[in-house]
Amino acid sequence: MKRFVSVILLGFGLLTACAPAPYVRDDWPNRRITMDQLNDDGQTGLIQVFIGYGVFVDNHAALRLVCPGKPTLFWDPGGNFGDNDPQILSRKHNYLIWEQAPDAKTFMEWRIKVPDVATEMFEFAMSAAQAEYLWDILKNGNPPEHPLGRFTHRSAPMRCGTDTSDYLSRFAGDVVRVPKSYFWPRDLAKVLYTQRPRRVVYYRLHEPLRELHPPQ
């Protein structure tokens, strides 16, 4: 009987630890926004990191990179965005889209339909030079002899958290400091909350969309 109770308590603890968006900062100043307010004008360098949560566990990480003067990149490592749409699938190259990449609203609405019970979008602004540097690496990759090592946007299922955090950790240190790669997307989210994002957009099932800002 004691063993059975222990197993039940352990299972409850694991489910609690994997609750949707466990690190969301409800204490930050926030306001309700509409889906249309998610989108940017393409004139500012941006990294937008999406973390999606299923019923019991965080289930995806993806990234948009906005570089003024260049096509926006959308990287969905190991993901299946657009796989049922021949037009989108034809523009998807090893999980990267650079032709008519989805805007933030389109991807957030798609995640809600997956369905996610919660989704976070972390947004970080950067200079044009930083954006161009990160854009080139994500789009074209690095050769093995590069000082920071080989990189390619190729991925595989269940590598979304690892590949997204690895890219940020190795190349985006001037914008956001991610100390290492993380398998679980929620662990990446925990770090991103410490990095003073420009904003965090937070969706939770049956709740209004909110925009959070770190305290001044």
C-alpha atoms as a PDB file:
ATOM      1  CA  MET A   1       0.000   0.000   0.000  1.00  0.00           C
ATOM      2  CA  LYS A   2       2.787   2.423   0.905  1.00  0.00           C
ATOM      3  CA  ARG A   3       4.514   1.638  -2.389  1.00  0.00           C
ATOM      4  CA  PHE A   4       1.306   2.325  -4.315  1.00  0.00           C
ATOM      5  CA  VAL A   5       0.868   5.673  -2.562  1.00  0.00           C
ATOM      6  CA  SER A   6       4.497   6.565  -3.300  1.00  0.00           C
ATOM      7  CA  VAL A   7       4.004   5.846  -6.998  1.00  0.00           C
ATOM      8  CA  ILE A   8       0.844   7.986  -7.070  1.00  0.00           C
ATOM      9  CA  LEU A   9       2.631  10.872  -5.349  1.00  0.00           C
ATOM     10  CA  LEU A  10       5.604  10.571  -7.707  1.00  0.00           C
ATOM     11  CA  GLY A  11       3.323  10.630 -10.718  1.00  0.00           C
ATOM     12  CA  PHE A  12       1.486  13.679  -9.379  1.00  0.00           C
ATOM     13  CA  GLY A  13       4.793  15.416  -8.795  1.00  0.00           C
ATOM     14  CA  LEU A  14       5.941  14.741 -12.337  1.00  0.00           C
ATOM     15  CA  LEU A  15       2.689  16.053 -13.787  1.00  0.00           C
ATOM     16  CA  THR A  16       2.946  19.164 -11.641  1.00  0.00           C
ATOM     17  CA  ALA A  17       6.530  19.771 -12.771  1.00  0.00           C
ATOM     18  CA  CYS A  18       5.367  19.461 -16.380  1.00  0.00           C
ATOM     19  CA  ALA A  19       2.366  21.771 -15.967  1.00  0.00           C
ATOM     20  CA  PRO A  20       1.867  24.108 -18.925  1.00  0.00           C
ATOM     21  CA  ALA A  21       4.197  27.130 -18.858  1.00  0.00           C
ATOM     22  CA  PRO A  22       5.475  26.481 -15.308  1.00  0.00           C
ATOM     23  CA  TYR A  23       7.776  29.523 -15.345  1.00  0.00           C
ATOM     24  CA  VAL A  24       5.409  32.167 -16.720  1.00  0.00           C
ATOM     25  CA  ARG A  25       5.907  35.431 -14.821  1.00  0.00           C
ATOM     26  CA  ASP A  26       2.421  36.356 -13.691  1.00  0.00           C
ATOM     27  CA  ASP A  27       3.999  39.048 -11.526  1.00  0.00           C
ATOM     28  CA  TRP A  28       5.249  40.998 -14.569  1.00  0.00           C
ATOM     29  CA  PRO A  29       3.248  43.969 -15.879  1.00  0.00           C
ATOM     30  CA  ASN A  30       0.891  42.656 -18.532  1.00  0.00           C
ATOM     31  CA  ARG A  31      -2.031  43.591 -20.719  1.00  0.00           C
ATOM     32  CA  ARG A  32      -4.526  41.874 -22.964  1.00  0.00           C
ATOM     33  CA  ILE A  33      -3.741  42.011 -26.676  1.00  0.00           C
ATOM     34  CA  THR A  34      -5.262  40.705 -29.897  1.00  0.00           C
ATOM     35  CA  MET A  35      -3.662  38.272 -32.310  1.00  0.00           C
ATOM     36  CA  ASP A  36      -3.087  41.127 -34.761  1.00  0.00           C
ATOM     37  CA  GLN A  37      -0.817  42.822 -32.190  1.00  0.00           C
ATOM     38  CA  LEU A  38       1.595  39.891 -32.388  1.00  0.00           C
ATOM     39  CA  ASN A  39       2.957  40.909 -35.766  1.00  0.00           C
ATOM     40  CA  ASP A  40       5.985  43.125 -36.400  1.00  0.00           C
ATOM     41  CA  ASP A  41       6.678  45.580 -39.219  1.00  0.00           C
ATOM     42  CA  GLY A  42       9.868  43.865 -40.389  1.00  0.00           C
ATOM     43  CA  GLN A  43      11.932  47.005 -39.774  1.00  0.00           C
ATOM     44  CA  THR A  44      13.574  45.877 -36.512  1.00  0.00           C
ATOM     45  CA  GLY A  45      15.885  42.919 -36.016  1.00  0.00           C
ATOM     46  CA  LEU A  46      14.057  40.360 -33.870  1.00  0.00           C
ATOM     47  CA  ILE A  47      14.422  36.865 -32.478  1.00  0.00           C
ATOM     48  CA  GLN A  48      11.089  35.319 -31.534  1.00  0.00           C
ATOM     49  CA  VAL A  49      11.223  32.004 -29.691  1.00  0.00           C
ATOM     50  CA  PHE A  50       8.022  29.979 -29.361  1.00  0.00           C
ATOM     51  CA  ILE A  51       7.508  27.390 -26.625  1.00  0.00           C
ATOM     52  CA  GLY A  52       4.431  25.157 -26.899  1.00  0.00           C
ATOM     53  CA  TYR A  53       2.861  23.045 -24.153  1.00  0.00           C
ATOM     54  CA  GLY A  54       0.584  20.041 -24.443  1.00  0.00           C
ATOM     55  CA  VAL A  55      -1.718  18.752 -21.710  1.00  0.00           C
ATOM     56  CA  PHE A  56       1.010  17.077 -19.674  1.00  0.00           C
ATOM     57  CA  VAL A  57       4.323  18.222 -21.098  1.00  0.00           C
ATOM     58  CA  ASP A  58       6.024  20.945 -23.115  1.00  0.00           C
ATOM     59  CA  ASN A  59       6.068  19.672 -26.666  1.00  0.00           C
ATOM     60  CA  HIS A  60       7.760  22.124 -29.026  1.00  0.00           C
ATOM     61  CA  ALA A  61      10.186  24.982 -29.599  1.00  0.00           C
ATOM     62  CA  ALA A  62      10.487  27.055 -32.781  1.00  0.00           C
ATOM     63  CA  LEU A  63      12.077  30.324 -33.843  1.00  0.00           C
ATOM     64  CA  ARG A  64      11.443  33.311 -36.142  1.00  0.00           C
ATOM     65  CA  LEU A  65      14.282  35.596 -37.143  1.00  0.00           C
ATOM     66  CA  VAL A  66      13.513  39.049 -38.555  1.00  0.00           C
ATOM     67  CA  CYS A  67      16.364  40.776 -40.398  1.00  0.00           C
ATOM     68  CA  PRO A  68      15.512  44.120 -42.060  1.00  0.00           C
ATOM     69  CA  GLY A  69      16.094  43.949 -45.800  1.00  0.00           C
ATOM     70  CA  LYS A  70      16.097  40.135 -45.896  1.00  0.00           C
ATOM     71  CA  PRO A  71      13.302  37.553 -45.980  1.00  0.00           C
ATOM     72  CA  THR A  72      12.154  36.568 -42.502  1.00  0.00           C
ATOM     73  CA  LEU A  73      13.308  33.081 -41.502  1.00  0.00           C
ATOM     74  CA  PHE A  74      11.057  30.622 -39.701  1.00  0.00           C
ATOM     75  CA  TRP A  75      12.754  27.580 -38.184  1.00  0.00           C
ATOM     76  CA  ASP A  76      10.572  24.739 -36.951  1.00  0.00           C
ATOM     77  CA  PRO A  77      13.172  22.123 -35.951  1.00  0.00           C
ATOM     78  CA  GLY A  78      11.632  18.673 -35.897  1.00  0.00           C
ATOM     79  CA  GLY A  79       8.193  20.273 -36.266  1.00  0.00           C
ATOM     80  CA  ASN A  80       5.310  19.728 -38.642  1.00  0.00           C
ATOM     81  CA  PHE A  81       4.031  23.227 -39.375  1.00  0.00           C
ATOM     82  CA  GLY A  82       2.599  23.256 -42.890  1.00  0.00           C
ATOM     83  CA  ASP A  83       3.096  19.548 -43.525  1.00  0.00           C
ATOM     84  CA  ASN A  84      -0.566  19.209 -44.536  1.00  0.00           C
ATOM     85  CA  ASP A  85      -0.454  22.261 -46.809  1.00  0.00           C
ATOM     86  CA  PRO A  86       1.301  21.551 -50.146  1.00  0.00           C
ATOM     87  CA  GLN A  87       2.021  25.254 -50.727  1.00  0.00           C
ATOM     88  CA  ILE A  88       3.781  25.670 -47.369  1.00  0.00           C
ATOM     89  CA  LEU A  89       5.489  22.278 -47.588  1.00  0.00           C
ATOM     90  CA  SER A  90       6.998  23.213 -50.952  1.00  0.00           C
ATOM     91  CA  ARG A  91       8.713  26.194 -49.274  1.00  0.00           C
ATOM     92  CA  LYS A  92       9.985  24.216 -46.281  1.00  0.00           C
ATOM     93  CA  HIS A  93      13.617  23.178 -46.599  1.00  0.00           C
ATOM     94  CA  ASN A  94      14.793  20.838 -43.830  1.00  0.00           C
ATOM     95  CA  TYR A  95      12.481  22.575 -41.327  1.00  0.00           C
ATOM     96  CA  LEU A  96      13.430  26.106 -42.440  1.00  0.00           C
ATOM     97  CA  ILE A  97      11.141  28.478 -44.392  1.00  0.00           C
ATOM     98  CA  TRP A  98      12.560  31.618 -45.985  1.00  0.00           C
ATOM     99  CA  GLU A  99      10.007  32.186 -48.724  1.00  0.00           C
ATOM    100  CA  GLN A 100       6.816  33.705 -47.334  1.00  0.00           C
ATOM    101  CA  ALA A 101       7.639  32.635 -43.791  1.00  0.00           C
ATOM    102  CA  PRO A 102       4.643  32.648 -41.433  1.00  0.00           C
ATOM    103  CA  ASP A 103       4.183  35.709 -39.274  1.00  0.00           C
ATOM    104  CA  ALA A 104       3.893  35.394 -35.510  1.00  0.00           C
ATOM    105  CA  LYS A 105       0.090  35.506 -35.602  1.00  0.00           C
ATOM    106  CA  THR A 106      -0.129  32.665 -38.133  1.00  0.00           C
ATOM    107  CA  PHE A 107       2.138  30.369 -36.149  1.00  0.00           C
ATOM    108  CA  MET A 108       0.529  31.185 -32.800  1.00  0.00           C
ATOM    109  CA  GLU A 109      -2.921  30.451 -34.221  1.00  0.00           C
ATOM    110  CA  TRP A 110      -1.623  27.180 -35.650  1.00  0.00           C
ATOM    111  CA  ARG A 111      -0.151  26.151 -32.285  1.00  0.00           C
ATOM    112  CA  ILE A 112      -3.504  26.832 -30.638  1.00  0.00           C
ATOM    113  CA  LYS A 113      -5.174  24.487 -33.127  1.00  0.00           C
ATOM    114  CA  VAL A 114      -2.584  21.697 -32.525  1.00  0.00           C
ATOM    115  CA  PRO A 115      -3.915  22.049 -29.792  1.00  0.00           C
ATOM    116  CA  ASP A 116      -1.563  23.616 -27.274  1.00  0.00           C
ATOM    117  CA  VAL A 117      -2.941  24.334 -23.835  1.00  0.00           C
ATOM    118  CA  ALA A 118      -0.352  27.112 -23.489  1.00  0.00           C
ATOM    119  CA  THR A 119       2.146  28.863 -25.760  1.00  0.00           C
ATOM    120  CA  GLU A 120       4.803  31.492 -25.024  1.00  0.00           C
ATOM    121  CA  MET A 121       6.521  33.762 -27.516  1.00  0.00           C
ATOM    122  CA  PHE A 122       9.722  35.419 -26.277  1.00  0.00           C
ATOM    123  CA  GLU A 123      10.779  38.422 -28.344  1.00  0.00           C
ATOM    124  CA  PHE A 124      14.258  39.944 -28.308  1.00  0.00           C
ATOM    125  CA  ALA A 125      15.312  42.999 -30.329  1.00  0.00           C
ATOM    126  CA  MET A 126      18.760  43.288 -31.895  1.00  0.00           C
ATOM    127  CA  SER A 127      20.788  45.537 -34.157  1.00  0.00           C
ATOM    128  CA  ALA A 128      20.776  45.173 -37.927  1.00  0.00           C
ATOM    129  CA  ALA A 129      24.337  43.818 -37.804  1.00  0.00           C
ATOM    130  CA  GLN A 130      23.426  41.184 -35.206  1.00  0.00           C
ATOM    131  CA  ALA A 131      20.361  40.189 -37.186  1.00  0.00           C
ATOM    132  CA  GLU A 132      22.347  39.798 -40.412  1.00  0.00           C
ATOM    133  CA  TYR A 133      24.970  37.658 -38.646  1.00  0.00           C
ATOM    134  CA  LEU A 134      22.370  35.329 -37.131  1.00  0.00           C
ATOM    135  CA  TRP A 135      20.335  35.251 -40.357  1.00  0.00           C
ATOM    136  CA  ASP A 136      23.326  34.102 -42.390  1.00  0.00           C
ATOM    137  CA  ILE A 137      24.195  31.301 -39.949  1.00  0.00           C
ATOM    138  CA  LEU A 138      20.613  30.022 -39.711  1.00  0.00           C
ATOM    139  CA  LYS A 139      20.026  30.159 -43.465  1.00  0.00           C
ATOM    140  CA  ASN A 140      23.416  29.045 -44.793  1.00  0.00           C
ATOM    141  CA  GLY A 141      25.019  27.191 -41.875  1.00  0.00           C
ATOM    142  CA  ASN A 142      28.657  27.017 -40.811  1.00  0.00           C
ATOM    143  CA  PRO A 143      31.402  24.711 -42.127  1.00  0.00           C
ATOM    144  CA  PRO A 144      33.200  22.363 -39.700  1.00  0.00           C
ATOM    145  CA  GLU A 145      36.273  24.614 -39.615  1.00  0.00           C
ATOM    146  CA  HIS A 146      34.293  27.616 -38.341  1.00  0.00           C
ATOM    147  CA  PRO A 147      35.594  28.801 -34.910  1.00  0.00           C
ATOM    148  CA  LEU A 148      32.182  28.115 -33.369  1.00  0.00           C
ATOM    149  CA  GLY A 149      31.850  24.753 -35.061  1.00  0.00           C
ATOM    150  CA  ARG A 150      29.634  23.289 -37.739  1.00  0.00           C
ATOM    151  CA  PHE A 151      25.972  24.290 -37.870  1.00  0.00           C
ATOM    152  CA  THR A 152      23.077  23.335 -40.105  1.00  0.00           C
ATOM    153  CA  HIS A 153      19.362  24.002 -39.831  1.00  0.00           C
ATOM    154  CA  ARG A 154      18.680  20.318 -40.473  1.00  0.00           C
ATOM    155  CA  SER A 155      16.879  18.707 -37.557  1.00  0.00           C
ATOM    156  CA  ALA A 156      14.755  15.702 -36.601  1.00  0.00           C
ATOM    157  CA  PRO A 157      11.674  14.954 -34.491  1.00  0.00           C
ATOM    158  CA  MET A 158      12.189  15.446 -30.753  1.00  0.00           C
ATOM    159  CA  ARG A 159      15.195  17.728 -31.315  1.00  0.00           C
ATOM    160  CA  CYS A 160      13.292  21.020 -31.235  1.00  0.00           C
ATOM    161  CA  GLY A 161      14.422  22.101 -27.766  1.00  0.00           C
ATOM    162  CA  THR A 162      17.974  20.855 -28.236  1.00  0.00           C
ATOM    163  CA  ASP A 163      18.490  22.463 -31.647  1.00  0.00           C
ATOM    164  CA  THR A 164      16.809  25.778 -30.849  1.00  0.00           C
ATOM    165  CA  SER A 165      18.726  26.259 -27.609  1.00  0.00           C
ATOM    166  CA  ASP A 166      21.988  25.095 -29.223  1.00  0.00           C
ATOM    167  CA  TYR A 167      21.663  27.749 -31.949  1.00  0.00           C
ATOM    168  CA  LEU A 168      20.937  30.483 -29.396  1.00  0.00           C
ATOM    169  CA  SER A 169      23.683  29.298 -27.050  1.00  0.00           C
ATOM    170  CA  ARG A 170      26.404  29.179 -29.693  1.00  0.00           C
ATOM    171  CA  PHE A 171      25.610  32.202 -31.822  1.00  0.00           C
ATOM    172  CA  ALA A 172      23.190  34.630 -30.178  1.00  0.00           C
ATOM    173  CA  GLY A 173      25.125  35.508 -27.022  1.00  0.00           C
ATOM    174  CA  ASP A 174      25.162  39.214 -27.884  1.00  0.00           C
ATOM    175  CA  VAL A 175      21.350  39.205 -27.870  1.00  0.00           C
ATOM    176  CA  VAL A 176      20.286  36.531 -25.381  1.00  0.00           C
ATOM    177  CA  ARG A 177      22.491  34.391 -23.144  1.00  0.00           C
ATOM    178  CA  VAL A 178      21.554  30.719 -23.168  1.00  0.00           C
ATOM    179  CA  PRO A 179      24.302  28.799 -21.330  1.00  0.00           C
ATOM    180  CA  LYS A 180      23.813  25.421 -23.007  1.00  0.00           C
ATOM    181  CA  SER A 181      21.392  23.332 -25.032  1.00  0.00           C
ATOM    182  CA  TYR A 182      18.259  21.930 -23.379  1.00  0.00           C
ATOM    183  CA  PHE A 183      16.201  18.915 -24.381  1.00  0.00           C
ATOM    184  CA  TRP A 184      13.026  20.166 -22.708  1.00  0.00           C
ATOM    185  CA  PRO A 185      11.610  23.392 -24.193  1.00  0.00           C
ATOM    186  CA  ARG A 186      10.394  24.462 -20.734  1.00  0.00           C
ATOM    187  CA  ASP A 187      14.027  24.604 -19.556  1.00  0.00           C
ATOM    188  CA  LEU A 188      14.801  26.990 -22.401  1.00  0.00           C
ATOM    189  CA  ALA A 189      11.778  29.081 -21.396  1.00  0.00           C
ATOM    190  CA  LYS A 190      13.069  29.273 -17.824  1.00  0.00           C
ATOM    191  CA  VAL A 191      16.352  30.764 -19.080  1.00  0.00           C
ATOM    192  CA  LEU A 192      14.660  33.170 -21.495  1.00  0.00           C
ATOM    193  CA  TYR A 193      12.643  34.719 -18.661  1.00  0.00           C
ATOM    194  CA  THR A 194      15.938  35.753 -17.044  1.00  0.00           C
ATOM    195  CA  GLN A 195      17.148  37.537 -20.188  1.00  0.00           C
ATOM    196  CA  ARG A 196      14.832  40.562 -20.142  1.00  0.00           C
ATOM    197  CA  PRO A 197      12.981  39.951 -23.398  1.00  0.00           C
ATOM    198  CA  ARG A 198      11.379  42.930 -25.101  1.00  0.00           C
ATOM    199  CA  ARG A 199       8.080  41.199 -24.465  1.00  0.00           C
ATOM    200  CA  VAL A 200       6.582  37.774 -23.827  1.00  0.00           C
ATOM    201  CA  VAL A 201       3.262  36.923 -25.426  1.00  0.00           C
ATOM    202  CA  TYR A 202       1.428  34.276 -23.434  1.00  0.00           C
ATOM    203  CA  TYR A 203      -1.553  32.175 -24.473  1.00  0.00           C
ATOM    204  CA  ARG A 204      -3.343  29.798 -22.149  1.00  0.00           C
ATOM    205  CA  LEU A 205      -6.427  27.747 -22.971  1.00  0.00           C
ATOM    206  CA  HIS A 206      -9.676  29.606 -22.228  1.00  0.00           C
ATOM    207  CA  GLU A 207      -7.810  32.775 -21.236  1.00  0.00           C
ATOM    208  CA  PRO A 208      -7.224  36.032 -23.121  1.00  0.00           C
ATOM    209  CA  LEU A 209      -3.935  36.511 -24.960  1.00  0.00           C
ATOM    210  CA  ARG A 210      -1.530  38.511 -22.789  1.00  0.00           C
ATOM    211  CA  GLU A 211       1.617  40.521 -23.405  1.00  0.00           C
ATOM    212  CA  LEU A 212       4.098  40.558 -20.514  1.00  0.00           C
ATOM    213  CA  HIS A 213       6.982  42.984 -19.986  1.00  0.00           C
ATOM    214  CA  PRO A 214       9.844  42.617 -17.507  1.00  0.00           C
ATOM    215  CA  PRO A 215       9.711  45.214 -14.725  1.00  0.00           C
ATOM    216  CA  GLN A 216      11.821  48.336 -15.261  1.00  0.00           C
END
